[in-house]
Amino acid sequence: MVCTRAVHTRTPVVLSIVLALCVATGCRCERGGHIDPKELARLGSVTAREPKDPWEAGRLPMSLAKGRPRDGGQIAVHMYTEPPSLNTIIDADWWASQITEHRVYQALVSNDPYDHPNYRVVPELAKSWEIASADRVYTFHLRHGVRWHDGRPFTARDVIATFDKVQNEQTKAVHIRAYTKELLRYEALDAFTVRFTFKKPYFLALDGIFASVPIQPAHVLESLKPMQYNEAAANSLNRHPIGTGPFRFVKWESNSKIVLRRFAKYWGSKPHISELVFRTVKDHTVALQLAERQELDIVTVTAQEWHRMKSPILRRRYYRSRYHDANYAWIGWNLKRPQFRDAVVRSALTMLVDRPGLAGAMMYGLPKPTTCHFYWASDACDGKLSPLPYDPLAAAKLLEHAGWVDRDGDGVREHGKLELCFTLMIPANQEGMVHAATKIKEDMRRAGIDMRLQRVEWSAFVRRLRDKDFDACTLAWVGSSKEDPTQIWHSSSIAGGSNYISFSNREADRLMDRARVMLNDRRRNKLYRQLGKILYDEQPYTWLWVRPRLTLIHRRLHGVRESLMGWRYEDWWVDGTSAKTP
């Protein structure tokens, strides 16, 4: 059977009818061999209880952040996939940001990683700043005596050259330009003073722009045309970053490791550790084997490994950390595909994904449910919006109401000449999601939907996202305590941004535009809750869950503290008295 691509007329039914149908049909779960409601209730009650044992609960001891720092030593960090480049201006990649941002590269300012939940802005390359003209003009006074890792002096010229590249529409920096579209002009007043003027106030100017744009060296940037800047073959910074941060880049051995070393001429407080090695280990089972041999200090583990981890060796040598940061996993429906253009269909698809059952049976109840784009504990999320239920019977009624019926008896629903079939694109290294998708596929089949699975290597996955070359995809977003959703949800971010599914809603755009200039957190979050209701009604994503960050941390490490901003390795040190033990 072949999926056709014939265009059909969208059924003019809004989600209020969807919910009414759910009530009218008497929503219930048809589980057919899957977890029944009693089992889900049991799982929920088990996961709600916090284990007393710190190892089981994933609680780090308070003593881990204390002690007398000791200089020297190496830390090996498990990296389960390689970034496409180390240039986060063109690649919005989580691992690239963890390796380079505020560590190799620096920004004008940064966020205090330990100031939860505010994460206030603190100086970095700028020692001070003033905000004037009704919050539209930012003047930064830069530090003197800062050196690039190649020995050149840092000046305002570097800031201007970096923003020239960010603002040039020929560079692949659309995800950053989503934040800078109100930027009117920027200029160097002298060698150590820069001024930025906005057309309108922007609530995330400090956090979203000046703390997020990594300043790069002008003596490299100025020789690169915009298209050259995008390509690793022409731009050495993509594979060999030169920054001003506490660690300098040493080498990148593809599919093996990325090495950073303490920068001896760093302008600020130098890191305690001498070397930071990010080791690429795509197989999580192999990573645990390396941990047992103490070849890794920081290990990212899956929910299944966390649940089954009984190794006395690991328990003796490592702490465990379970931390729900600002993330959510999702299935995205490409709205350019005709079968996904109807919100009723998308809602039915969500109701065919057994999120509670998968979270309980396959992820052992570790994730948190969510319906929200923002940090789950933020006031920007509306706690009154409960996830749509898993209800195959109600989903079938919705599909029939929307005109999708199996008229030819082949087991697949049609609407005119279009069959309800699609391919779900999954990152190749996401074994857990492959297992979950296999269960989803079975539920889809029973509902008359032909869903196929396709595993795609990460570099090709990212390329296809950008090209909109997919039917449906699954991924996770990682954010912060306060963020601007424009990059992901605004219609202006469809072309070149992170709005990969081509979501477009005029009222949603209006709310995001209003929120951008709203400096009052309470009022802005009220607008974001309205945006959340639109996304809830439209279901362009099926929100899956908030995944916990599950980590093994070797007991020889100290200075370790959890944060929404990620691990701050430069504050850590190796305790020689508890070095690698037998």
Protein backbone atom coordinates (compact mmCIF):
# COMPACT_ATOMS: atom_id res chain seq x y z
CA MET A 1 0.00 0.00 0.00
CA VAL A 2 1.33 3.46 -0.90
CA CYS A 3 0.63 6.68 0.99
CA THR A 4 -0.87 9.15 -1.43
CA ARG A 5 -0.55 12.89 -1.10
CA ALA A 6 -3.89 14.11 -2.49
CA VAL A 7 -5.16 17.35 -0.99
CA HIS A 8 -8.47 17.23 0.89
CA THR A 9 -10.70 19.85 2.43
CA ARG A 10 -10.12 20.44 6.13
CA THR A 11 -13.10 19.54 8.26
CA PRO A 12 -14.28 22.75 9.99
CA VAL A 13 -14.51 21.32 13.52
CA VAL A 14 -12.81 22.91 16.52
CA LEU A 15 -11.53 21.15 19.63
CA SER A 16 -14.57 22.08 21.71
CA ILE A 17 -16.45 19.56 19.56
CA VAL A 18 -13.63 17.07 20.10
CA LEU A 19 -14.01 17.27 23.87
CA ALA A 20 -17.80 17.14 23.61
CA LEU A 21 -17.52 13.97 21.55
CA CYS A 22 -15.20 12.49 24.16
CA VAL A 23 -17.77 13.09 26.87
CA ALA A 24 -20.69 11.94 24.71
CA THR A 25 -19.07 8.63 23.82
CA GLY A 26 -18.07 7.84 27.37
CA CYS A 27 -14.26 7.94 27.30
CA ARG A 28 -12.61 4.73 28.41
CA CYS A 29 -9.35 2.98 27.73
CA GLU A 30 -9.21 0.09 25.30
CA ARG A 31 -5.88 -1.42 26.23
CA GLY A 32 -6.00 -4.86 24.61
CA GLY A 33 -2.95 -6.50 26.17
CA HIS A 34 -1.35 -3.26 27.37
CA ILE A 35 -1.33 -1.81 30.87
CA ASP A 36 -4.83 -1.56 32.33
CA PRO A 37 -6.05 1.37 34.46
CA LYS A 38 -5.45 -0.48 37.74
CA GLU A 39 -1.83 -1.12 36.74
CA LEU A 40 -1.39 2.54 35.81
CA ALA A 41 -2.84 3.58 39.15
CA ARG A 42 -0.41 1.22 40.88
CA LEU A 43 2.53 2.67 38.96
CA GLY A 44 1.41 6.18 39.76
CA SER A 45 1.16 5.46 43.47
CA VAL A 46 4.60 3.83 43.47
CA THR A 47 6.34 6.67 41.65
CA ALA A 48 4.63 9.30 43.82
CA ARG A 49 6.48 8.02 46.88
CA GLU A 50 9.98 9.39 47.20
CA PRO A 51 12.44 6.61 48.13
CA LYS A 52 14.26 7.18 51.39
CA ASP A 53 17.51 5.76 50.00
CA PRO A 54 19.44 8.64 48.30
CA TRP A 55 20.75 6.22 45.66
CA GLU A 56 17.24 5.06 44.74
CA ALA A 57 15.83 8.61 44.82
CA GLY A 58 18.72 10.13 42.89
CA ARG A 59 19.51 12.71 45.58
CA LEU A 60 23.01 14.13 45.72
CA PRO A 61 24.46 14.57 49.23
CA MET A 62 24.86 18.13 50.48
CA SER A 63 28.49 17.37 51.24
CA LEU A 64 29.22 16.94 47.53
CA ALA A 65 29.17 20.72 47.03
CA LYS A 66 31.46 21.33 50.00
CA GLY A 67 35.12 20.80 50.77
CA ARG A 68 38.47 22.33 50.02
CA PRO A 69 39.07 22.60 46.25
CA ARG A 70 42.09 20.87 44.79
CA ASP A 71 43.61 21.77 41.43
CA GLY A 72 44.47 19.24 38.76
CA GLY A 73 43.04 16.08 37.28
CA GLN A 74 40.82 15.13 34.37
CA ILE A 75 37.06 14.60 34.15
CA ALA A 76 35.59 12.31 31.50
CA VAL A 77 31.98 13.11 30.49
CA HIS A 78 29.79 10.64 28.64
CA MET A 79 28.41 12.16 25.42
CA TYR A 80 25.83 9.87 23.80
CA THR A 81 25.78 11.68 20.45
CA GLU A 82 28.13 14.04 18.65
CA PRO A 83 27.12 17.62 17.86
CA PRO A 84 27.01 18.63 14.17
CA SER A 85 29.48 21.41 14.99
CA LEU A 86 30.76 23.40 17.97
CA ASN A 87 29.27 26.64 16.69
CA THR A 88 25.96 27.24 18.46
CA ILE A 89 25.32 30.35 16.37
CA ILE A 90 24.48 28.10 13.43
CA ASP A 91 23.65 24.83 15.25
CA ALA A 92 21.15 24.88 18.11
CA ASP A 93 22.53 21.65 19.53
CA TRP A 94 22.37 20.74 23.22
CA TRP A 95 25.75 19.02 23.38
CA ALA A 96 27.45 21.83 21.49
CA SER A 97 26.06 24.29 24.03
CA GLN A 98 27.16 22.12 26.98
CA ILE A 99 30.68 21.94 25.61
CA THR A 100 31.22 25.52 24.47
CA GLU A 101 28.80 28.05 25.96
CA HIS A 102 30.29 30.01 28.90
CA ARG A 103 33.06 27.42 28.93
CA VAL A 104 35.01 27.87 25.68
CA TYR A 105 33.08 30.83 24.33
CA GLN A 106 31.64 33.51 26.56
CA ALA A 107 28.83 36.00 26.21
CA LEU A 108 28.50 39.59 27.37
CA VAL A 109 26.64 38.38 30.46
CA SER A 110 25.62 35.03 31.94
CA ASN A 111 23.02 33.62 34.33
CA ASP A 112 23.93 32.63 37.87
CA PRO A 113 23.47 28.83 37.64
CA TYR A 114 22.74 28.47 41.34
CA ASP A 115 20.18 31.26 41.71
CA HIS A 116 17.09 29.04 41.46
CA PRO A 117 14.42 29.90 40.34
CA ASN A 118 15.46 33.39 39.17
CA TYR A 119 18.86 32.69 37.58
CA ARG A 120 19.72 36.37 37.70
CA VAL A 121 22.00 37.90 35.11
CA VAL A 122 25.62 38.46 36.18
CA PRO A 123 28.63 40.00 34.37
CA GLU A 124 30.82 37.98 32.01
CA LEU A 125 32.72 39.69 29.16
CA ALA A 126 30.90 42.88 30.11
CA LYS A 127 31.88 44.06 33.58
CA SER A 128 28.84 46.37 33.81
CA TRP A 129 25.97 47.80 31.77
CA GLU A 130 23.24 50.42 31.74
CA ILE A 131 19.69 50.22 30.39
CA ALA A 132 18.07 53.45 29.23
CA SER A 133 15.41 55.03 26.97
CA ALA A 134 12.46 53.03 28.29
CA ASP A 135 14.38 49.72 28.26
CA ARG A 136 15.39 50.04 24.62
CA VAL A 137 19.10 50.99 24.88
CA TYR A 138 21.73 48.70 26.43
CA THR A 139 25.28 49.99 26.91
CA PHE A 140 27.92 47.43 27.89
CA HIS A 141 31.34 48.24 29.36
CA LEU A 142 33.72 45.45 28.42
CA ARG A 143 36.50 43.96 30.51
CA HIS A 144 40.08 44.97 29.83
CA GLY A 145 42.88 42.41 29.66
CA VAL A 146 40.81 39.56 28.23
CA ARG A 147 42.67 37.30 25.78
CA TRP A 148 41.43 34.95 23.11
CA HIS A 149 42.77 31.42 23.35
CA ASP A 150 45.17 32.20 20.48
CA GLY A 151 46.59 35.15 22.42
CA ARG A 152 44.86 38.04 20.62
CA PRO A 153 43.25 40.77 22.78
CA PHE A 154 39.47 40.93 23.14
CA THR A 155 37.79 44.25 22.24
CA ALA A 156 34.46 45.71 21.12
CA ARG A 157 35.44 44.80 17.56
CA ASP A 158 34.79 41.13 18.41
CA VAL A 159 31.29 41.87 19.70
CA ILE A 160 30.39 43.83 16.56
CA ALA A 161 31.81 41.14 14.24
CA THR A 162 29.82 38.44 16.05
CA PHE A 163 26.53 40.29 15.81
CA ASP A 164 27.25 41.09 12.16
CA LYS A 165 27.26 37.35 11.52
CA VAL A 166 24.18 36.73 13.68
CA GLN A 167 22.17 39.44 11.93
CA ASN A 168 23.21 38.54 8.39
CA GLU A 169 20.29 36.65 6.86
CA GLN A 170 22.64 34.46 4.83
CA THR A 171 24.02 32.75 7.95
CA LYS A 172 22.21 29.81 9.54
CA ALA A 173 21.48 31.78 12.70
CA VAL A 174 17.70 32.02 12.32
CA HIS A 175 17.15 30.45 15.77
CA ILE A 176 19.03 33.41 17.29
CA ARG A 177 17.54 36.03 14.98
CA ALA A 178 14.15 35.01 16.36
CA TYR A 179 15.31 36.83 19.50
CA THR A 180 17.04 39.77 17.79
CA LYS A 181 14.34 40.83 15.33
CA GLU A 182 13.64 43.98 17.40
CA LEU A 183 17.32 44.95 17.36
CA LEU A 184 17.55 48.28 15.51
CA ARG A 185 21.30 48.91 15.57
CA TYR A 186 24.50 48.19 17.48
CA GLU A 187 27.76 50.09 17.55
CA ALA A 188 31.14 50.33 19.24
CA LEU A 189 31.44 53.61 21.11
CA ASP A 190 35.11 52.90 21.78
CA ALA A 191 37.38 49.85 22.07
CA PHE A 192 35.64 48.67 25.25
CA THR A 193 32.10 50.03 25.01
CA VAL A 194 29.24 48.73 22.85
CA ARG A 195 25.68 49.96 22.57
CA PHE A 196 22.59 48.11 21.37
CA THR A 197 19.37 49.90 20.49
CA PHE A 198 16.05 48.09 20.12
CA LYS A 199 12.94 49.24 18.28
CA LYS A 200 10.84 48.00 21.19
CA PRO A 201 11.61 46.74 24.70
CA TYR A 202 12.30 43.03 24.81
CA PHE A 203 11.86 41.08 28.05
CA LEU A 204 14.54 38.53 27.15
CA ALA A 205 17.20 40.92 25.87
CA LEU A 206 19.65 40.11 28.66
CA ASP A 207 18.85 36.41 29.13
CA GLY A 208 17.91 35.47 25.56
CA ILE A 209 20.43 37.55 23.60
CA PHE A 210 23.29 38.95 25.62
CA ALA A 211 23.66 35.86 27.83
CA SER A 212 23.17 33.47 24.92
CA VAL A 213 25.13 34.78 21.92
CA PRO A 214 28.70 33.42 22.15
CA ILE A 215 31.16 36.17 21.24
CA GLN A 216 33.60 34.96 18.59
CA PRO A 217 36.94 36.43 17.41
CA ALA A 218 36.73 39.19 14.81
CA HIS A 219 40.14 38.26 13.38
CA VAL A 220 38.52 35.00 12.16
CA LEU A 221 35.00 36.24 11.38
CA GLU A 222 35.95 39.23 9.27
CA SER A 223 37.66 37.05 6.67
CA LEU A 224 34.55 34.86 6.17
CA LYS A 225 31.67 35.60 3.86
CA PRO A 226 28.24 34.63 5.26
CA MET A 227 27.99 31.39 3.29
CA GLN A 228 31.57 30.48 4.22
CA TYR A 229 30.72 31.04 7.87
CA ASN A 230 28.10 28.28 7.68
CA GLU A 231 30.43 25.59 6.37
CA ALA A 232 32.94 23.61 8.41
CA ALA A 233 35.32 23.42 5.44
CA ALA A 234 35.59 27.22 5.34
CA ASN A 235 34.98 28.21 8.96
CA SER A 236 37.51 26.66 11.33
CA LEU A 237 35.44 27.80 14.32
CA ASN A 238 32.83 25.15 13.57
CA ARG A 239 35.30 22.38 14.40
CA HIS A 240 37.99 24.30 16.29
CA PRO A 241 36.46 27.06 18.45
CA ILE A 242 38.62 29.91 19.71
CA GLY A 243 37.10 31.55 22.74
CA THR A 244 37.88 33.60 25.86
CA GLY A 245 36.50 31.13 28.41
CA PRO A 246 38.06 29.16 31.25
CA PHE A 247 38.65 26.16 28.97
CA ARG A 248 40.33 26.16 25.58
CA PHE A 249 39.59 23.69 22.81
CA VAL A 250 42.33 21.09 22.22
CA LYS A 251 41.02 18.52 19.73
CA TRP A 252 38.02 16.73 18.29
CA GLU A 253 38.45 13.10 17.29
CA SER A 254 35.28 12.21 15.39
CA ASN A 255 33.16 9.53 17.05
CA SER A 256 35.65 9.38 19.90
CA LYS A 257 36.14 12.51 22.01
CA ILE A 258 36.30 16.28 22.29
CA VAL A 259 38.99 17.59 24.62
CA LEU A 260 39.13 20.91 26.49
CA ARG A 261 41.99 22.11 28.68
CA ARG A 262 42.22 24.77 31.38
CA PHE A 263 43.19 28.12 29.86
CA ALA A 264 46.22 29.36 31.78
CA LYS A 265 45.66 33.01 30.80
CA TYR A 266 41.94 33.10 31.61
CA TRP A 267 40.89 36.51 32.92
CA GLY A 268 38.70 35.17 35.76
CA SER A 269 38.84 32.45 38.39
CA LYS A 270 40.46 29.47 36.74
CA PRO A 271 38.87 26.00 36.83
CA HIS A 272 40.19 23.49 39.31
CA ILE A 273 40.36 20.59 36.86
CA SER A 274 43.06 20.56 34.21
CA GLU A 275 41.26 18.74 31.44
CA LEU A 276 37.66 18.07 30.42
CA VAL A 277 37.07 15.19 28.00
CA PHE A 278 33.70 14.59 26.34
CA ARG A 279 33.75 10.96 25.21
CA THR A 280 31.36 9.82 22.50
CA VAL A 281 29.73 6.57 23.58
CA LYS A 282 26.50 6.07 21.65
CA ASP A 283 25.60 2.74 23.25
CA HIS A 284 24.38 3.33 26.82
CA THR A 285 25.18 -0.25 27.81
CA VAL A 286 28.80 0.26 26.77
CA ALA A 287 28.84 3.52 28.74
CA LEU A 288 27.87 1.66 31.91
CA GLN A 289 30.58 -0.91 31.26
CA LEU A 290 33.09 1.92 30.97
CA ALA A 291 31.72 3.36 34.21
CA GLU A 292 32.32 0.08 36.01
CA ARG A 293 35.93 0.35 34.81
CA GLN A 294 35.93 3.98 36.01
CA GLU A 295 36.73 5.32 32.57
CA LEU A 296 33.85 7.80 32.78
CA ASP A 297 33.13 10.26 35.60
CA ILE A 298 29.78 11.58 34.37
CA VAL A 299 27.41 9.10 32.73
CA THR A 300 23.99 9.81 31.24
CA VAL A 301 21.72 6.81 31.74
CA THR A 302 18.34 5.82 30.36
CA ALA A 303 15.23 5.25 32.46
CA GLN A 304 15.51 1.50 31.92
CA GLU A 305 19.13 1.45 33.06
CA TRP A 306 18.24 3.60 36.06
CA HIS A 307 15.48 1.21 37.11
CA ARG A 308 17.55 -1.94 36.60
CA MET A 309 20.82 -0.61 38.01
CA LYS A 310 21.76 -3.18 40.65
CA SER A 311 25.52 -3.17 40.20
CA PRO A 312 27.24 -2.97 43.62
CA ILE A 313 30.31 -1.65 41.83
CA LEU A 314 28.42 1.35 40.47
CA ARG A 315 26.71 1.99 43.79
CA ARG A 316 30.05 1.98 45.58
CA ARG A 317 31.77 4.29 43.11
CA TYR A 318 29.05 6.70 41.97
CA TYR A 319 26.27 8.96 43.16
CA ARG A 320 23.04 9.17 41.18
CA SER A 321 21.24 12.39 40.22
CA ARG A 322 17.60 12.59 39.07
CA TYR A 323 16.66 16.13 38.05
CA HIS A 324 13.63 17.39 36.11
CA ASP A 325 14.90 20.40 34.24
CA ALA A 326 13.20 22.58 31.60
CA ASN A 327 12.54 20.03 28.88
CA TYR A 328 9.75 18.11 27.22
CA ALA A 329 9.59 15.26 24.73
CA TRP A 330 7.16 15.51 21.84
CA ILE A 331 5.86 14.03 18.62
CA GLY A 332 5.48 16.72 15.97
CA TRP A 333 3.02 16.53 13.08
CA ASN A 334 4.18 18.21 9.87
CA LEU A 335 1.28 20.53 9.16
CA LYS A 336 2.32 20.79 5.51
CA ARG A 337 1.15 17.18 5.14
CA PRO A 338 -2.58 17.10 4.26
CA GLN A 339 -3.41 14.32 6.72
CA PHE A 340 -2.30 16.51 9.66
CA ARG A 341 -4.00 19.80 8.75
CA ASP A 342 -7.07 19.18 10.90
CA ALA A 343 -6.81 19.83 14.66
CA VAL A 344 -9.42 17.12 15.23
CA VAL A 345 -7.16 14.55 13.55
CA ARG A 346 -4.15 15.71 15.55
CA SER A 347 -6.16 15.46 18.78
CA ALA A 348 -7.22 11.92 17.84
CA LEU A 349 -3.59 11.01 17.21
CA THR A 350 -2.65 12.33 20.65
CA MET A 351 -5.42 10.23 22.21
CA LEU A 352 -3.95 7.16 20.49
CA VAL A 353 -0.56 7.66 22.18
CA ASP A 354 -0.60 5.91 25.56
CA ARG A 355 1.57 8.46 27.36
CA PRO A 356 0.75 7.32 30.93
CA GLY A 357 1.21 3.67 30.02
CA LEU A 358 4.51 4.28 28.24
CA ALA A 359 5.81 6.49 31.05
CA GLY A 360 4.90 3.83 33.58
CA ALA A 361 5.74 0.60 31.81
CA MET A 362 8.75 1.68 29.76
CA MET A 363 10.14 4.61 31.76
CA TYR A 364 9.17 3.33 35.21
CA GLY A 365 7.12 6.39 36.13
CA LEU A 366 10.17 8.68 36.12
CA PRO A 367 8.85 11.36 33.69
CA LYS A 368 6.37 14.10 34.59
CA PRO A 369 3.24 14.59 32.43
CA THR A 370 2.96 17.96 30.68
CA THR A 371 0.88 19.93 28.20
CA CYS A 372 3.13 22.98 28.19
CA HIS A 373 5.97 24.40 26.10
CA PHE A 374 7.57 26.19 29.07
CA TYR A 375 9.46 25.02 32.16
CA TRP A 376 7.02 22.69 33.93
CA ALA A 377 7.26 24.62 37.25
CA SER A 378 6.81 28.03 35.59
CA ASP A 379 3.80 30.31 35.97
CA ALA A 380 3.74 30.36 32.15
CA CYS A 381 2.18 26.87 32.28
CA ASP A 382 -1.54 26.51 32.97
CA GLY A 383 -1.93 23.78 35.56
CA LYS A 384 -5.63 23.47 34.74
CA LEU A 385 -4.91 21.95 31.32
CA SER A 386 -4.81 18.20 31.79
CA PRO A 387 -3.29 16.01 29.06
CA LEU A 388 -5.83 14.61 26.63
CA PRO A 389 -6.69 11.06 27.72
CA TYR A 390 -5.44 7.91 26.10
CA ASP A 391 -8.73 6.68 24.64
CA PRO A 392 -8.68 4.73 21.35
CA LEU A 393 -12.50 4.48 21.21
CA ALA A 394 -12.98 8.24 21.51
CA ALA A 395 -10.12 8.80 19.03
CA ALA A 396 -11.89 6.56 16.50
CA LYS A 397 -15.08 8.62 16.89
CA LEU A 398 -13.12 11.81 16.28
CA LEU A 399 -11.54 10.43 13.11
CA GLU A 400 -14.95 9.36 11.80
CA HIS A 401 -16.38 12.78 12.62
CA ALA A 402 -13.51 14.35 10.65
CA GLY A 403 -14.35 12.19 7.62
CA TRP A 404 -11.66 9.51 7.98
CA VAL A 405 -13.33 6.13 7.35
CA ASP A 406 -12.04 2.78 6.04
CA ARG A 407 -14.33 2.54 3.02
CA ASP A 408 -12.43 -0.11 1.04
CA GLY A 409 -11.96 -2.53 3.95
CA ASP A 410 -8.15 -2.67 3.79
CA GLY A 411 -7.75 -1.66 7.44
CA VAL A 412 -6.62 1.91 6.71
CA ARG A 413 -8.86 4.97 6.94
CA GLU A 414 -9.29 7.26 3.94
CA HIS A 415 -10.55 10.78 3.33
CA GLY A 416 -11.27 11.06 -0.36
CA LYS A 417 -8.19 9.71 -2.13
CA LEU A 418 -5.89 10.30 0.83
CA GLU A 419 -5.04 7.39 3.13
CA LEU A 420 -4.28 7.97 6.78
CA CYS A 421 -0.71 6.73 6.74
CA PHE A 422 2.56 8.37 7.71
CA THR A 423 6.16 7.69 8.72
CA LEU A 424 7.46 8.64 12.17
CA MET A 425 11.10 9.77 11.99
CA ILE A 426 13.15 8.86 15.08
CA PRO A 427 16.80 9.69 15.92
CA ALA A 428 18.77 6.49 15.37
CA ASN A 429 20.31 6.43 18.85
CA GLN A 430 17.02 6.76 20.74
CA GLU A 431 16.42 3.11 21.55
CA GLY A 432 13.82 3.90 24.19
CA MET A 433 11.76 5.95 21.78
CA VAL A 434 11.96 3.16 19.20
CA HIS A 435 10.39 0.75 21.70
CA ALA A 436 7.73 3.31 22.61
CA ALA A 437 6.99 3.98 18.94
CA THR A 438 6.49 0.26 18.33
CA LYS A 439 3.68 0.27 20.89
CA ILE A 440 2.24 3.48 19.41
CA LYS A 441 2.35 1.91 15.96
CA GLU A 442 0.21 -1.00 17.18
CA ASP A 443 -2.39 1.35 18.67
CA MET A 444 -2.43 3.33 15.44
CA ARG A 445 -2.93 0.15 13.41
CA ARG A 446 -5.91 -0.88 15.53
CA ALA A 447 -7.42 2.56 14.93
CA GLY A 448 -7.05 2.20 11.14
CA ILE A 449 -3.85 4.22 10.74
CA ASP A 450 -0.78 2.96 8.91
CA MET A 451 2.17 4.32 10.87
CA ARG A 452 5.69 3.38 9.82
CA LEU A 453 8.94 3.87 11.72
CA GLN A 454 12.18 5.25 10.31
CA ARG A 455 15.40 5.57 12.29
CA VAL A 456 17.64 8.36 11.00
CA GLU A 457 21.21 9.27 11.96
CA TRP A 458 21.42 12.56 13.80
CA SER A 459 23.06 14.71 11.10
CA ALA A 460 20.52 13.53 8.51
CA PHE A 461 17.71 13.91 11.07
CA VAL A 462 18.61 17.59 11.63
CA ARG A 463 18.88 18.22 7.89
CA ARG A 464 15.47 16.72 7.24
CA LEU A 465 13.94 18.77 10.05
CA ARG A 466 15.25 21.95 8.46
CA ASP A 467 14.05 20.87 5.01
CA LYS A 468 10.60 19.85 6.36
CA ASP A 469 11.30 16.46 4.77
CA PHE A 470 9.28 14.25 7.13
CA ASP A 471 5.71 13.31 8.02
CA ALA A 472 6.06 13.16 11.79
CA CYS A 473 9.07 13.26 14.08
CA THR A 474 9.91 12.87 17.73
CA LEU A 475 12.42 14.90 19.71
CA ALA A 476 12.81 16.81 22.97
CA TRP A 477 13.31 20.51 23.62
CA VAL A 478 15.53 21.67 26.46
CA GLY A 479 14.96 25.23 27.64
CA SER A 480 15.48 27.38 30.72
CA SER A 481 13.43 28.96 33.49
CA LYS A 482 12.35 31.85 31.25
CA GLU A 483 12.18 31.76 27.47
CA ASP A 484 10.69 33.19 24.32
CA PRO A 485 8.67 30.63 22.30
CA THR A 486 9.02 32.62 19.07
CA GLN A 487 11.83 30.43 17.75
CA ILE A 488 9.65 27.32 17.87
CA TRP A 489 6.04 28.48 17.45
CA HIS A 490 5.94 31.79 15.55
CA SER A 491 5.07 31.64 11.85
CA SER A 492 8.16 33.76 11.14
CA SER A 493 10.29 30.82 12.32
CA ILE A 494 8.93 28.37 9.73
CA ALA A 495 11.53 29.38 7.15
CA GLY A 496 14.92 28.55 8.66
CA GLY A 497 13.89 28.59 12.32
CA SER A 498 12.95 25.79 14.70
CA ASN A 499 9.26 25.78 13.74
CA TYR A 500 9.93 22.52 11.93
CA ILE A 501 6.27 21.46 11.78
CA SER A 502 5.18 24.73 10.09
CA PHE A 503 2.68 25.76 12.79
CA SER A 504 0.95 29.03 11.90
CA ASN A 505 -1.75 30.72 13.95
CA ARG A 506 -2.46 34.44 13.75
CA GLU A 507 -3.64 34.75 17.34
CA ALA A 508 -0.64 32.78 18.61
CA ASP A 509 1.68 35.12 16.67
CA ARG A 510 -0.10 38.13 18.19
CA LEU A 511 0.28 36.78 21.73
CA MET A 512 3.99 36.05 21.23
CA ASP A 513 4.57 39.50 19.75
CA ARG A 514 2.81 41.15 22.71
CA ALA A 515 4.69 39.02 25.22
CA ARG A 516 8.06 39.98 23.78
CA VAL A 517 7.62 43.62 24.85
CA MET A 518 5.99 42.76 28.19
CA LEU A 519 8.61 43.27 30.91
CA ASN A 520 6.33 42.31 33.80
CA ASP A 521 6.72 38.56 34.41
CA ARG A 522 3.20 38.08 35.76
CA ARG A 523 1.48 39.81 32.84
CA ARG A 524 3.71 38.12 30.27
CA ASN A 525 3.03 34.68 31.73
CA LYS A 526 -0.70 35.36 31.51
CA LEU A 527 -0.23 35.83 27.75
CA TYR A 528 1.80 32.63 27.58
CA ARG A 529 -0.97 30.70 29.30
CA GLN A 530 -3.31 31.95 26.55
CA LEU A 531 -0.77 30.76 23.98
CA GLY A 532 -0.67 27.43 25.79
CA LYS A 533 -4.44 27.07 25.43
CA ILE A 534 -4.18 27.61 21.66
CA LEU A 535 -1.45 24.98 21.39
CA TYR A 536 -3.51 22.66 23.58
CA ASP A 537 -6.53 23.08 21.30
CA GLU A 538 -4.54 22.77 18.09
CA GLN A 539 -2.30 19.85 19.20
CA PRO A 540 0.48 20.54 16.65
CA TYR A 541 2.61 18.47 19.01
CA THR A 542 1.65 15.48 21.05
CA TRP A 543 3.29 16.42 24.33
CA LEU A 544 4.75 13.26 25.81
CA TRP A 545 6.42 14.07 29.13
CA VAL A 546 9.16 15.92 30.99
CA ARG A 547 12.11 13.57 31.09
CA PRO A 548 14.34 13.51 34.17
CA ARG A 549 18.03 14.08 33.67
CA LEU A 550 19.47 10.82 35.01
CA THR A 551 23.18 10.92 35.74
CA LEU A 552 25.91 8.91 37.44
CA ILE A 553 28.54 11.08 39.14
CA HIS A 554 31.80 9.58 40.35
CA ARG A 555 32.35 9.93 44.08
CA ARG A 556 35.80 11.43 43.56
CA LEU A 557 34.19 14.62 42.20
CA HIS A 558 33.29 17.58 44.40
CA GLY A 559 31.73 21.00 43.90
CA VAL A 560 28.84 19.36 42.04
CA ARG A 561 25.46 21.13 42.16
CA GLU A 562 22.31 20.62 40.11
CA SER A 563 20.97 23.51 38.03
CA LEU A 564 18.59 24.24 35.17
CA MET A 565 21.63 25.71 33.42
CA GLY A 566 23.37 22.32 33.28
CA TRP A 567 26.56 21.17 34.98
CA ARG A 568 29.14 23.84 35.79
CA TYR A 569 32.32 21.78 35.43
CA GLU A 570 34.59 24.75 36.09
CA ASP A 571 33.48 24.71 39.75
CA TRP A 572 34.30 21.03 40.24
CA TRP A 573 37.42 19.42 41.58
CA VAL A 574 38.82 15.92 41.99
CA ASP A 575 39.30 14.70 45.55
CA GLY A 576 42.62 12.88 45.58
CA THR A 577 41.75 10.98 48.76
CA SER A 578 38.73 9.31 47.07
CA ALA A 579 40.26 8.83 43.63
CA LYS A 580 39.30 5.85 41.55
CA THR A 581 38.66 3.02 43.93
CA PRO A 582 38.69 -0.75 43.44
